[in-house]
């Protein structure tokens, strides 16, 4: 049944194309290129998501992204690069992209406008198809590929304690020819994301609620997430819950260990699936500070000889 649904998608039925990540609040560039370089840090993110556990050929997604800010002619900019590998049954979706986001100071915050050219690569593993009718010429018997150029864009605004952003993925609505008999039509998708940081009386604790909504014009999904975070000196730990109405409930736990942020989440689907058929996600992040102060500033010299 899953194979039949996927083949219907190739024949022209449009469905949500982009993978869903539980740690969307920590990997904003996955959905909005304007978030590139949002901090004065080099930011590297690796994420592995495995959903519908227990089913054969279940979806598996690997995400790798890096971004950083830089200063040019007195203004700030963000740049980054991204690789996504999404395997769903006999289909493999790959995306290679770069990001650019100029930044403007506005009303006490920073406004970013982002653009993301991308190259999409699609593969149908015909050699792994289990044929009912081996004479169907629409189904390939070997692996077939197709590529297409794509474009994403977004806007992102952040203040000290809150942020909000909106983006459009697949602005070109590309049509990917896979082999000679199949075509994948990718519809534009719309995203909105917002969050804030709420400090508690305990100086080491804070609450970070966030929300993300997405739609491709046919289906939609909304995620609400709340995390409790403990920060003291170099120690960071967090735990939280997420809820997607009509879809799932997600539990989060993670922390910072030796300068590397590690996170794990389990997504339980609130449909007829059992609790063991949910989704596992492992998040790894690394950041290092960038100093934009001028060379020689706050420099001190001593004439004392040692």
Foldseek 3Di string as FASTA:
>chain_A
DQVVVVQVLFAPDEDADQDDDPVCVLVVCSFALQCAAVDQKWKWKWKWKFAQPPDPQGKIKIKIKIKHWDDDPRWIKMKMWIWMWIGGRQKIKIKTKMKIWTWDDDPQKIKIKMKIKMKIKMKGALCPDDDPDPPPPLGDNGMWMWMDIFMKIKMKIDHPWKIKIKIKGRPVQDWTDTPDRTIRGHAIKIKIKMWGWAADPPNQKIKIWMKMKMDRPPDIKIKIKMKIWGDDDQKIWIWIWMDIPQFWIKIKIWIADPQKTKIKMWTATPPPDDRVRGMIMIMIMHIDGHDPDDPPPVDDDDPDDD
